[in-house]
PDB file of all heavy atoms in Angstrom:
ATOM      1  N   GLY A   1     125.394  25.302  52.993  1.00  0.00           N
ATOM      2  CA  GLY A   1     126.554  26.169  52.675  1.00  0.00           C
ATOM      3  C   GLY A   1     126.345  27.563  53.158  1.00  0.00           C
ATOM      4  O   GLY A   1     127.262  28.458  52.916  1.00  0.00           O
ATOM      5  N   SER A   2     125.272  27.878  53.887  1.00  0.00           N
ATOM      6  CA  SER A   2     125.034  29.285  54.371  1.00  0.00           C
ATOM      7  C   SER A   2     125.525  29.425  55.775  1.00  0.00           C
ATOM      8  O   SER A   2     125.664  28.518  56.549  1.00  0.00           O
ATOM      9  CB  SER A   2     123.544  29.602  54.341  1.00  0.00           C
ATOM     10  OG  SER A   2     123.113  29.595  53.019  1.00  0.00           O
ATOM     11  N   HIS A   3     125.719  30.698  56.102  1.00  0.00           N
ATOM     12  CA  HIS A   3     126.062  31.095  57.518  1.00  0.00           C
ATOM     13  C   HIS A   3     124.829  31.263  58.245  1.00  0.00           C
ATOM     14  O   HIS A   3     123.750  31.564  57.679  1.00  0.00           O
ATOM     15  CB  HIS A   3     126.866  32.439  57.511  1.00  0.00           C
ATOM     16  CG  HIS A   3     128.169  32.368  56.782  1.00  0.00           C
ATOM     17  ND1 HIS A   3     129.280  31.834  57.349  1.00  0.00           N
ATOM     18  CD2 HIS A   3     128.479  32.830  55.536  1.00  0.00           C
ATOM     19  CE1 HIS A   3     130.299  31.957  56.425  1.00  0.00           C
ATOM     20  NE2 HIS A   3     129.817  32.484  55.361  1.00  0.00           N
ATOM     21  N   VAL A   4     124.827  31.058  59.574  1.00  0.00           N
ATOM     22  CA  VAL A   4     123.696  31.332  60.416  1.00  0.00           C
ATOM     23  C   VAL A   4     124.182  32.387  61.427  1.00  0.00           C
ATOM     24  O   VAL A   4     125.301  32.296  62.010  1.00  0.00           O
ATOM     25  CB  VAL A   4     123.223  30.043  61.123  1.00  0.00           C
ATOM     26  CG1 VAL A   4     124.206  29.471  62.084  1.00  0.00           C
ATOM     27  CG2 VAL A   4     121.858  30.356  61.789  1.00  0.00           C
ATOM     28  N   GLY A   5     123.390  33.406  61.546  1.00  0.00           N
ATOM     29  CA  GLY A   5     123.772  34.506  62.396  1.00  0.00           C
ATOM     30  C   GLY A   5     123.678  34.134  63.904  1.00  0.00           C
ATOM     31  O   GLY A   5     123.109  33.090  64.262  1.00  0.00           O
ATOM     32  N   LYS A   6     124.368  34.939  64.703  1.00  0.00           N
ATOM     33  CA  LYS A   6     124.359  34.672  66.153  1.00  0.00           C
ATOM     34  C   LYS A   6     122.968  35.055  66.692  1.00  0.00           C
ATOM     35  O   LYS A   6     122.481  36.175  66.450  1.00  0.00           O
ATOM     36  CB  LYS A   6     125.403  35.522  66.806  1.00  0.00           C
ATOM     37  CG  LYS A   6     125.571  35.371  68.269  1.00  0.00           C
ATOM     38  CD  LYS A   6     126.634  36.274  68.824  1.00  0.00           C
ATOM     39  CE  LYS A   6     126.723  36.259  70.348  1.00  0.00           C
ATOM     40  NZ  LYS A   6     125.597  36.746  71.038  1.00  0.00           N
ATOM     41  N   PRO A   7     122.360  34.221  67.401  1.00  0.00           N
ATOM     42  CA  PRO A   7     121.041  34.573  68.057  1.00  0.00           C
ATOM     43  C   PRO A   7     121.187  35.418  69.258  1.00  0.00           C
ATOM     44  O   PRO A   7     122.339  35.628  69.741  1.00  0.00           O
ATOM     45  CB  PRO A   7     120.506  33.166  68.423  1.00  0.00           C
ATOM     46  CG  PRO A   7     121.708  32.353  68.811  1.00  0.00           C
ATOM     47  CD  PRO A   7     122.745  32.815  67.774  1.00  0.00           C
ATOM     48  N   ALA A   8     120.089  35.923  69.736  1.00  0.00           N
ATOM     49  CA  ALA A   8     120.174  36.697  70.957  1.00  0.00           C
ATOM     50  C   ALA A   8     120.653  35.775  72.098  1.00  0.00           C
ATOM     51  O   ALA A   8     120.287  34.595  72.132  1.00  0.00           O
ATOM     52  CB  ALA A   8     118.760  37.316  71.298  1.00  0.00           C
ATOM     53  N   ASP A   9     121.465  36.347  72.999  1.00  0.00           N
ATOM     54  CA  ASP A   9     121.938  35.512  74.149  1.00  0.00           C
ATOM     55  C   ASP A   9     120.818  35.155  75.035  1.00  0.00           C
ATOM     56  O   ASP A   9     119.962  35.959  75.373  1.00  0.00           O
ATOM     57  CB  ASP A   9     122.997  36.236  74.871  1.00  0.00           C
ATOM     58  CG  ASP A   9     124.337  36.428  74.122  1.00  0.00           C
ATOM     59  OD1 ASP A   9     124.506  35.769  73.134  1.00  0.00           O
ATOM     60  OD2 ASP A   9     125.154  37.258  74.631  1.00  0.00           O
ATOM     61  N   PRO A  10     120.847  33.871  75.473  1.00  0.00           N
ATOM     62  CA  PRO A  10     119.806  33.428  76.416  1.00  0.00           C
ATOM     63  C   PRO A  10     120.257  34.078  77.801  1.00  0.00           C
ATOM     64  O   PRO A  10     121.371  34.458  77.990  1.00  0.00           O
ATOM     65  CB  PRO A  10     119.972  31.927  76.512  1.00  0.00           C
ATOM     66  CG  PRO A  10     121.353  31.633  76.142  1.00  0.00           C
ATOM     67  CD  PRO A  10     121.711  32.748  75.100  1.00  0.00           C
ATOM     68  N   THR A  11     119.275  34.161  78.758  1.00  0.00           N
ATOM     69  CA  THR A  11     119.543  34.694  80.045  1.00  0.00           C
ATOM     70  C   THR A  11     119.285  33.539  81.005  1.00  0.00           C
ATOM     71  O   THR A  11     118.447  32.666  80.863  1.00  0.00           O
ATOM     72  CB  THR A  11     118.676  35.854  80.433  1.00  0.00           C
ATOM     73  OG1 THR A  11     117.289  35.483  80.290  1.00  0.00           O
ATOM     74  CG2 THR A  11     118.982  37.031  79.504  1.00  0.00           C
ATOM     75  N   PHE A  12     120.139  33.504  82.073  1.00  0.00           N
ATOM     76  CA  PHE A  12     119.997  32.517  83.150  1.00  0.00           C
ATOM     77  C   PHE A  12     120.697  33.073  84.367  1.00  0.00           C
ATOM     78  O   PHE A  12     121.670  33.931  84.265  1.00  0.00           O
ATOM     79  CB  PHE A  12     120.478  31.159  82.764  1.00  0.00           C
ATOM     80  CG  PHE A  12     121.888  31.081  82.194  1.00  0.00           C
ATOM     81  CD1 PHE A  12     122.905  30.753  83.081  1.00  0.00           C
ATOM     82  CD2 PHE A  12     122.146  31.340  80.836  1.00  0.00           C
ATOM     83  CE1 PHE A  12     124.219  30.741  82.546  1.00  0.00           C
ATOM     84  CE2 PHE A  12     123.394  31.250  80.394  1.00  0.00           C
ATOM     85  CZ  PHE A  12     124.489  30.991  81.207  1.00  0.00           C
ATOM     86  N   VAL A  13     120.243  32.637  85.491  1.00  0.00           N
ATOM     87  CA  VAL A  13     120.803  33.091  86.796  1.00  0.00           C
ATOM     88  C   VAL A  13     122.137  32.459  87.017  1.00  0.00           C
ATOM     89  O   VAL A  13     122.347  31.268  86.851  1.00  0.00           O
ATOM     90  CB  VAL A  13     119.886  32.782  87.923  1.00  0.00           C
ATOM     91  CG1 VAL A  13     120.447  33.193  89.311  1.00  0.00           C
ATOM     92  CG2 VAL A  13     118.543  33.412  87.750  1.00  0.00           C
ATOM     93  N   GLY A  14     123.152  33.303  87.423  1.00  0.00           N
ATOM     94  CA  GLY A  14     124.389  32.746  87.864  1.00  0.00           C
ATOM     95  C   GLY A  14     125.405  32.460  86.700  1.00  0.00           C
ATOM     96  O   GLY A  14     126.341  31.696  86.930  1.00  0.00           O
ATOM     97  N   GLY A  15     125.144  32.966  85.487  1.00  0.00           N
ATOM     98  CA  GLY A  15     126.092  32.618  84.452  1.00  0.00           C
ATOM     99  C   GLY A  15     126.045  33.573  83.351  1.00  0.00           C
ATOM    100  O   GLY A  15     125.143  34.443  83.209  1.00  0.00           O
ATOM    101  N   VAL A  16     127.014  33.503  82.470  1.00  0.00           N
ATOM    102  CA  VAL A  16     127.123  34.322  81.250  1.00  0.00           C
ATOM    103  C   VAL A  16     127.474  33.352  80.041  1.00  0.00           C
ATOM    104  O   VAL A  16     128.286  32.556  80.220  1.00  0.00           O
ATOM    105  CB  VAL A  16     128.271  35.379  81.475  1.00  0.00           C
ATOM    106  CG1 VAL A  16     128.469  36.171  80.176  1.00  0.00           C
ATOM    107  CG2 VAL A  16     127.937  36.270  82.599  1.00  0.00           C
ATOM    108  N   LEU A  17     126.789  33.619  78.986  1.00  0.00           N
ATOM    109  CA  LEU A  17     127.050  32.796  77.814  1.00  0.00           C
ATOM    110  C   LEU A  17     128.428  33.128  77.331  1.00  0.00           C
ATOM    111  O   LEU A  17     128.773  34.224  77.058  1.00  0.00           O
ATOM    112  CB  LEU A  17     126.041  33.092  76.718  1.00  0.00           C
ATOM    113  CG  LEU A  17     126.228  32.286  75.437  1.00  0.00           C
ATOM    114  CD1 LEU A  17     125.916  30.850  75.636  1.00  0.00           C
ATOM    115  CD2 LEU A  17     125.386  32.968  74.281  1.00  0.00           C
ATOM    116  N   GLU A  18     129.292  32.064  77.151  1.00  0.00           N
ATOM    117  CA  GLU A  18     130.585  32.234  76.612  1.00  0.00           C
ATOM    118  C   GLU A  18     130.711  32.051  75.145  1.00  0.00           C
ATOM    119  O   GLU A  18     131.716  32.383  74.527  1.00  0.00           O
ATOM    120  CB  GLU A  18     131.587  31.300  77.310  1.00  0.00           C
ATOM    121  CG  GLU A  18     131.756  31.615  78.810  1.00  0.00           C
ATOM    122  CD  GLU A  18     132.771  30.657  79.504  1.00  0.00           C
ATOM    123  OE1 GLU A  18     133.471  29.924  78.738  1.00  0.00           O
ATOM    124  OE2 GLU A  18     132.827  30.649  80.658  1.00  0.00           O
ATOM    125  N   GLY A  19     129.632  31.498  74.524  1.00  0.00           N
ATOM    126  CA  GLY A  19     129.652  31.249  73.083  1.00  0.00           C
ATOM    127  C   GLY A  19     128.876  29.967  72.752  1.00  0.00           C
ATOM    128  O   GLY A  19     128.457  29.322  73.625  1.00  0.00           O
ATOM    129  N   TRP A  20     128.812  29.797  71.446  1.00  0.00           N
ATOM    130  CA  TRP A  20     128.157  28.602  70.897  1.00  0.00           C
ATOM    131  C   TRP A  20     129.225  27.651  70.406  1.00  0.00           C
ATOM    132  O   TRP A  20     130.243  28.084  69.727  1.00  0.00           O
ATOM    133  CB  TRP A  20     127.201  28.960  69.806  1.00  0.00           C
ATOM    134  CG  TRP A  20     125.965  29.785  70.338  1.00  0.00           C
ATOM    135  CD1 TRP A  20     125.752  31.083  70.176  1.00  0.00           C
ATOM    136  CD2 TRP A  20     124.960  29.302  71.203  1.00  0.00           C
ATOM    137  NE1 TRP A  20     124.682  31.494  70.896  1.00  0.00           N
ATOM    138  CE2 TRP A  20     124.123  30.419  71.489  1.00  0.00           C
ATOM    139  CE3 TRP A  20     124.565  28.071  71.731  1.00  0.00           C
ATOM    140  CZ2 TRP A  20     122.934  30.327  72.258  1.00  0.00           C
ATOM    141  CZ3 TRP A  20     123.447  27.971  72.527  1.00  0.00           C
ATOM    142  CH2 TRP A  20     122.659  29.085  72.762  1.00  0.00           C
ATOM    143  N   TYR A  21     129.026  26.379  70.633  1.00  0.00           N
ATOM    144  CA  TYR A  21     130.020  25.415  70.234  1.00  0.00           C
ATOM    145  C   TYR A  21     129.407  24.302  69.369  1.00  0.00           C
ATOM    146  O   TYR A  21     128.240  24.062  69.369  1.00  0.00           O
ATOM    147  CB  TYR A  21     130.639  24.737  71.513  1.00  0.00           C
ATOM    148  CG  TYR A  21     131.553  25.739  72.245  1.00  0.00           C
ATOM    149  CD1 TYR A  21     130.945  26.652  73.132  1.00  0.00           C
ATOM    150  CD2 TYR A  21     132.895  25.731  72.047  1.00  0.00           C
ATOM    151  CE1 TYR A  21     131.786  27.528  73.773  1.00  0.00           C
ATOM    152  CE2 TYR A  21     133.677  26.677  72.726  1.00  0.00           C
ATOM    153  CZ  TYR A  21     133.123  27.548  73.600  1.00  0.00           C
ATOM    154  OH  TYR A  21     133.898  28.502  74.217  1.00  0.00           O
ATOM    155  N   LYS A  22     130.266  23.615  68.622  1.00  0.00           N
ATOM    156  CA  LYS A  22     129.834  22.601  67.678  1.00  0.00           C
ATOM    157  C   LYS A  22     129.541  21.275  68.332  1.00  0.00           C
ATOM    158  O   LYS A  22     128.836  20.466  67.716  1.00  0.00           O
ATOM    159  CB  LYS A  22     130.945  22.343  66.645  1.00  0.00           C
ATOM    160  CG  LYS A  22     131.308  23.566  65.800  1.00  0.00           C
ATOM    161  CD  LYS A  22     132.448  23.284  64.894  1.00  0.00           C
ATOM    162  CE  LYS A  22     132.875  24.578  64.161  1.00  0.00           C
ATOM    163  NZ  LYS A  22     134.041  24.342  63.243  1.00  0.00           N
ATOM    164  N   GLU A  23     129.900  21.134  69.585  1.00  0.00           N
ATOM    165  CA  GLU A  23     129.582  19.904  70.264  1.00  0.00           C
ATOM    166  C   GLU A  23     129.239  20.181  71.782  1.00  0.00           C
ATOM    167  O   GLU A  23     129.659  21.285  72.273  1.00  0.00           O
ATOM    168  CB  GLU A  23     130.733  18.858  70.240  1.00  0.00           C
ATOM    169  CG  GLU A  23     131.985  19.295  70.843  1.00  0.00           C
ATOM    170  CD  GLU A  23     132.761  20.288  70.021  1.00  0.00           C
ATOM    171  OE1 GLU A  23     133.076  20.090  68.852  1.00  0.00           O
ATOM    172  OE2 GLU A  23     133.107  21.448  70.616  1.00  0.00           O
ATOM    173  N   ALA A  24     128.586  19.256  72.455  1.00  0.00           N
ATOM    174  CA  ALA A  24     128.132  19.468  73.799  1.00  0.00           C
ATOM    175  C   ALA A  24     129.303  19.667  74.800  1.00  0.00           C
ATOM    176  O   ALA A  24     129.154  20.366  75.826  1.00  0.00           O
ATOM    177  CB  ALA A  24     127.290  18.276  74.272  1.00  0.00           C
ATOM    178  N   GLU A  25     130.511  19.178  74.475  1.00  0.00           N
ATOM    179  CA  GLU A  25     131.669  19.294  75.341  1.00  0.00           C
ATOM    180  C   GLU A  25     132.280  20.677  75.255  1.00  0.00           C
ATOM    181  O   GLU A  25     133.269  20.981  75.969  1.00  0.00           O
ATOM    182  CB  GLU A  25     132.674  18.169  74.985  1.00  0.00           C
ATOM    183  CG  GLU A  25     132.154  16.750  75.206  1.00  0.00           C
ATOM    184  CD  GLU A  25     131.204  16.317  74.062  1.00  0.00           C
ATOM    185  OE1 GLU A  25     131.325  16.871  72.953  1.00  0.00           O
ATOM    186  OE2 GLU A  25     130.410  15.439  74.351  1.00  0.00           O
ATOM    187  N   CYS A  26     131.799  21.511  74.359  1.00  0.00           N
ATOM    188  CA  CYS A  26     132.287  22.907  74.178  1.00  0.00           C
ATOM    189  C   CYS A  26     133.788  22.964  73.860  1.00  0.00           C
ATOM    190  O   CYS A  26     134.584  23.647  74.517  1.00  0.00           O
ATOM    191  CB  CYS A  26     131.968  23.773  75.383  1.00  0.00           C
ATOM    192  SG  CYS A  26     130.252  23.884  75.687  1.00  0.00           S
ATOM    193  N   VAL A  27     134.195  22.177  72.931  1.00  0.00           N
ATOM    194  CA  VAL A  27     135.670  22.152  72.462  1.00  0.00           C
ATOM    195  C   VAL A  27     135.872  23.085  71.237  1.00  0.00           C
ATOM    196  O   VAL A  27     136.818  23.905  71.319  1.00  0.00           O
ATOM    197  CB  VAL A  27     136.057  20.733  72.119  1.00  0.00           C
ATOM    198  CG1 VAL A  27     137.443  20.680  71.558  1.00  0.00           C
ATOM    199  CG2 VAL A  27     135.863  19.794  73.299  1.00  0.00           C
ATOM    200  N   ASN A  28     135.053  23.006  70.244  1.00  0.00           N
ATOM    201  CA  ASN A  28     135.252  23.794  69.021  1.00  0.00           C
ATOM    202  C   ASN A  28     134.150  24.852  68.877  1.00  0.00           C
ATOM    203  O   ASN A  28     133.006  24.510  68.661  1.00  0.00           O
ATOM    204  CB  ASN A  28     135.187  22.874  67.829  1.00  0.00           C
ATOM    205  CG  ASN A  28     136.295  21.882  67.821  1.00  0.00           C
ATOM    206  OD1 ASN A  28     137.483  22.232  67.687  1.00  0.00           O
ATOM    207  ND2 ASN A  28     135.948  20.640  68.039  1.00  0.00           N
ATOM    208  N   ALA A  29     134.545  26.113  69.035  1.00  0.00           N
ATOM    209  CA  ALA A  29     133.616  27.208  68.951  1.00  0.00           C
ATOM    210  C   ALA A  29     133.030  27.401  67.580  1.00  0.00           C
ATOM    211  O   ALA A  29     133.734  27.134  66.592  1.00  0.00           O
ATOM    212  CB  ALA A  29     134.253  28.487  69.388  1.00  0.00           C
ATOM    213  N   TRP A  30     131.787  27.764  67.477  1.00  0.00           N
ATOM    214  CA  TRP A  30     131.129  28.045  66.194  1.00  0.00           C
ATOM    215  C   TRP A  30     131.439  29.448  65.852  1.00  0.00           C
ATOM    216  O   TRP A  30     131.205  30.343  66.619  1.00  0.00           O
ATOM    217  CB  TRP A  30     129.577  27.865  66.320  1.00  0.00           C
ATOM    218  CG  TRP A  30     128.801  28.075  65.025  1.00  0.00           C
ATOM    219  CD1 TRP A  30     128.291  29.246  64.643  1.00  0.00           C
ATOM    220  CD2 TRP A  30     128.685  27.198  64.008  1.00  0.00           C
ATOM    221  NE1 TRP A  30     127.731  29.142  63.403  1.00  0.00           N
ATOM    222  CE2 TRP A  30     127.935  27.830  62.986  1.00  0.00           C
ATOM    223  CE3 TRP A  30     128.982  25.898  63.780  1.00  0.00           C
ATOM    224  CZ2 TRP A  30     127.545  27.234  61.738  1.00  0.00           C
ATOM    225  CZ3 TRP A  30     128.538  25.252  62.591  1.00  0.00           C
ATOM    226  CH2 TRP A  30     127.912  25.968  61.601  1.00  0.00           C
ATOM    227  N   ASP A  31     132.043  29.644  64.651  1.00  0.00           N
ATOM    228  CA  ASP A  31     132.360  31.011  64.215  1.00  0.00           C
ATOM    229  C   ASP A  31     131.300  31.477  63.183  1.00  0.00           C
ATOM    230  O   ASP A  31     131.242  30.911  62.067  1.00  0.00           O
ATOM    231  CB  ASP A  31     133.727  30.972  63.475  1.00  0.00           C
ATOM    232  CG  ASP A  31     134.222  32.338  63.082  1.00  0.00           C
ATOM    233  OD1 ASP A  31     133.390  33.222  62.798  1.00  0.00           O
ATOM    234  OD2 ASP A  31     135.447  32.491  62.986  1.00  0.00           O
ATOM    235  N   VAL A  32     130.463  32.432  63.587  1.00  0.00           N
ATOM    236  CA  VAL A  32     129.365  32.805  62.751  1.00  0.00           C
ATOM    237  C   VAL A  32     129.887  33.495  61.441  1.00  0.00           C
ATOM    238  O   VAL A  32     129.117  33.528  60.485  1.00  0.00           O
ATOM    239  CB  VAL A  32     128.422  33.845  63.468  1.00  0.00           C
ATOM    240  CG1 VAL A  32     127.711  33.109  64.607  1.00  0.00           C
ATOM    241  CG2 VAL A  32     129.116  35.102  63.885  1.00  0.00           C
ATOM    242  N   GLY A  33     131.100  33.950  61.428  1.00  0.00           N
ATOM    243  CA  GLY A  33     131.637  34.587  60.191  1.00  0.00           C
ATOM    244  C   GLY A  33     132.199  33.569  59.219  1.00  0.00           C
ATOM    245  O   GLY A  33     132.259  33.869  57.985  1.00  0.00           O
ATOM    246  N   SER A  34     132.637  32.415  59.639  1.00  0.00           N
ATOM    247  CA  SER A  34     133.216  31.461  58.701  1.00  0.00           C
ATOM    248  C   SER A  34     132.607  30.057  58.608  1.00  0.00           C
ATOM    249  O   SER A  34     132.699  29.468  57.592  1.00  0.00           O
ATOM    250  CB  SER A  34     134.745  31.319  58.978  1.00  0.00           C
ATOM    251  OG  SER A  34     134.929  30.795  60.223  1.00  0.00           O
ATOM    252  N   ASP A  35     131.989  29.667  59.708  1.00  0.00           N
ATOM    253  CA  ASP A  35     131.411  28.290  59.633  1.00  0.00           C
ATOM    254  C   ASP A  35     130.126  28.287  58.891  1.00  0.00           C
ATOM    255  O   ASP A  35     129.351  29.322  58.977  1.00  0.00           O
ATOM    256  CB  ASP A  35     131.138  27.750  61.128  1.00  0.00           C
ATOM    257  CG  ASP A  35     132.354  27.360  61.830  1.00  0.00           C
ATOM    258  OD1 ASP A  35     133.289  26.882  61.150  1.00  0.00           O
ATOM    259  OD2 ASP A  35     132.460  27.541  63.067  1.00  0.00           O
ATOM    260  N   VAL A  36     129.845  27.227  58.040  1.00  0.00           N
ATOM    261  CA  VAL A  36     128.638  27.173  57.316  1.00  0.00           C
ATOM    262  C   VAL A  36     127.895  25.897  57.676  1.00  0.00           C
ATOM    263  O   VAL A  36     128.422  24.958  58.206  1.00  0.00           O
ATOM    264  CB  VAL A  36     128.945  27.151  55.798  1.00  0.00           C
ATOM    265  CG1 VAL A  36     129.585  28.489  55.395  1.00  0.00           C
ATOM    266  CG2 VAL A  36     129.861  26.010  55.434  1.00  0.00           C
ATOM    267  N   VAL A  37     126.605  25.961  57.395  1.00  0.00           N
ATOM    268  CA  VAL A  37     125.682  24.850  57.774  1.00  0.00           C
ATOM    269  C   VAL A  37     125.629  23.884  56.613  1.00  0.00           C
ATOM    270  O   VAL A  37     125.406  24.300  55.434  1.00  0.00           O
ATOM    271  CB  VAL A  37     124.292  25.427  58.059  1.00  0.00           C
ATOM    272  CG1 VAL A  37     123.286  24.281  58.386  1.00  0.00           C
ATOM    273  CG2 VAL A  37     124.301  26.421  59.209  1.00  0.00           C
ATOM    274  N   THR A  38     125.905  22.570  56.929  1.00  0.00           N
ATOM    275  CA  THR A  38     125.861  21.559  55.862  1.00  0.00           C
ATOM    276  C   THR A  38     124.964  20.314  56.297  1.00  0.00           C
ATOM    277  O   THR A  38     124.902  19.330  55.649  1.00  0.00           O
ATOM    278  CB  THR A  38     127.299  21.033  55.595  1.00  0.00           C
ATOM    279  OG1 THR A  38     127.914  20.498  56.799  1.00  0.00           O
ATOM    280  CG2 THR A  38     128.128  22.131  54.998  1.00  0.00           C
ATOM    281  N   SER A  39     124.265  20.523  57.427  1.00  0.00           N
ATOM    282  CA  SER A  39     123.353  19.525  57.927  1.00  0.00           C
ATOM    283  C   SER A  39     122.608  20.066  59.088  1.00  0.00           C
ATOM    284  O   SER A  39     122.952  21.233  59.561  1.00  0.00           O
ATOM    285  CB  SER A  39     124.087  18.247  58.385  1.00  0.00           C
ATOM    286  OG  SER A  39     124.932  18.498  59.493  1.00  0.00           O
ATOM    287  N   ASP A  40     121.538  19.384  59.558  1.00  0.00           N
ATOM    288  CA  ASP A  40     120.901  19.816  60.774  1.00  0.00           C
ATOM    289  C   ASP A  40     122.008  19.789  61.877  1.00  0.00           C
ATOM    290  O   ASP A  40     122.801  18.853  61.907  1.00  0.00           O
ATOM    291  CB  ASP A  40     119.728  18.906  61.190  1.00  0.00           C
ATOM    292  CG  ASP A  40     118.563  19.011  60.257  1.00  0.00           C
ATOM    293  OD1 ASP A  40     118.348  20.103  59.681  1.00  0.00           O
ATOM    294  OD2 ASP A  40     117.797  18.055  60.100  1.00  0.00           O
ATOM    295  N   ILE A  41     121.952  20.737  62.801  1.00  0.00           N
ATOM    296  CA  ILE A  41     122.979  20.894  63.813  1.00  0.00           C
ATOM    297  C   ILE A  41     122.400  21.446  65.035  1.00  0.00           C
ATOM    298  O   ILE A  41     121.486  22.297  64.991  1.00  0.00           O
ATOM    299  CB  ILE A  41     124.196  21.735  63.268  1.00  0.00           C
ATOM    300  CG1 ILE A  41     125.391  21.628  64.324  1.00  0.00           C
ATOM    301  CG2 ILE A  41     123.814  23.157  63.016  1.00  0.00           C
ATOM    302  CD1 ILE A  41     126.605  22.230  63.771  1.00  0.00           C
ATOM    303  N   THR A  42     122.947  21.075  66.177  1.00  0.00           N
ATOM    304  CA  THR A  42     122.651  21.677  67.451  1.00  0.00           C
ATOM    305  C   THR A  42     123.955  22.301  68.011  1.00  0.00           C
ATOM    306  O   THR A  42     124.939  21.642  68.133  1.00  0.00           O
ATOM    307  CB  THR A  42     122.133  20.690  68.483  1.00  0.00           C
ATOM    308  OG1 THR A  42     120.914  20.074  67.957  1.00  0.00           O
ATOM    309  CG2 THR A  42     121.850  21.322  69.865  1.00  0.00           C
ATOM    310  N   LEU A  43     123.888  23.600  68.284  1.00  0.00           N
ATOM    311  CA  LEU A  43     125.089  24.313  68.849  1.00  0.00           C
ATOM    312  C   LEU A  43     124.873  24.482  70.312  1.00  0.00           C
ATOM    313  O   LEU A  43     123.780  24.529  70.811  1.00  0.00           O
ATOM    314  CB  LEU A  43     125.213  25.746  68.177  1.00  0.00           C
ATOM    315  CG  LEU A  43     125.355  25.638  66.661  1.00  0.00           C
ATOM    316  CD1 LEU A  43     125.441  27.137  66.126  1.00  0.00           C
ATOM    317  CD2 LEU A  43     126.648  24.987  66.269  1.00  0.00           C
TER     318      LEU A  43
END
């Protein structure tokens, strides 16, 4: 039920991080202010 803060942005050549998403297809953005952790998750 806790929030997880935004980590430091990774760096990579030729791209910019657009955000963290709840699924690999990048459909639903993770909102660090309102989304809470209720299981192990990969963003």
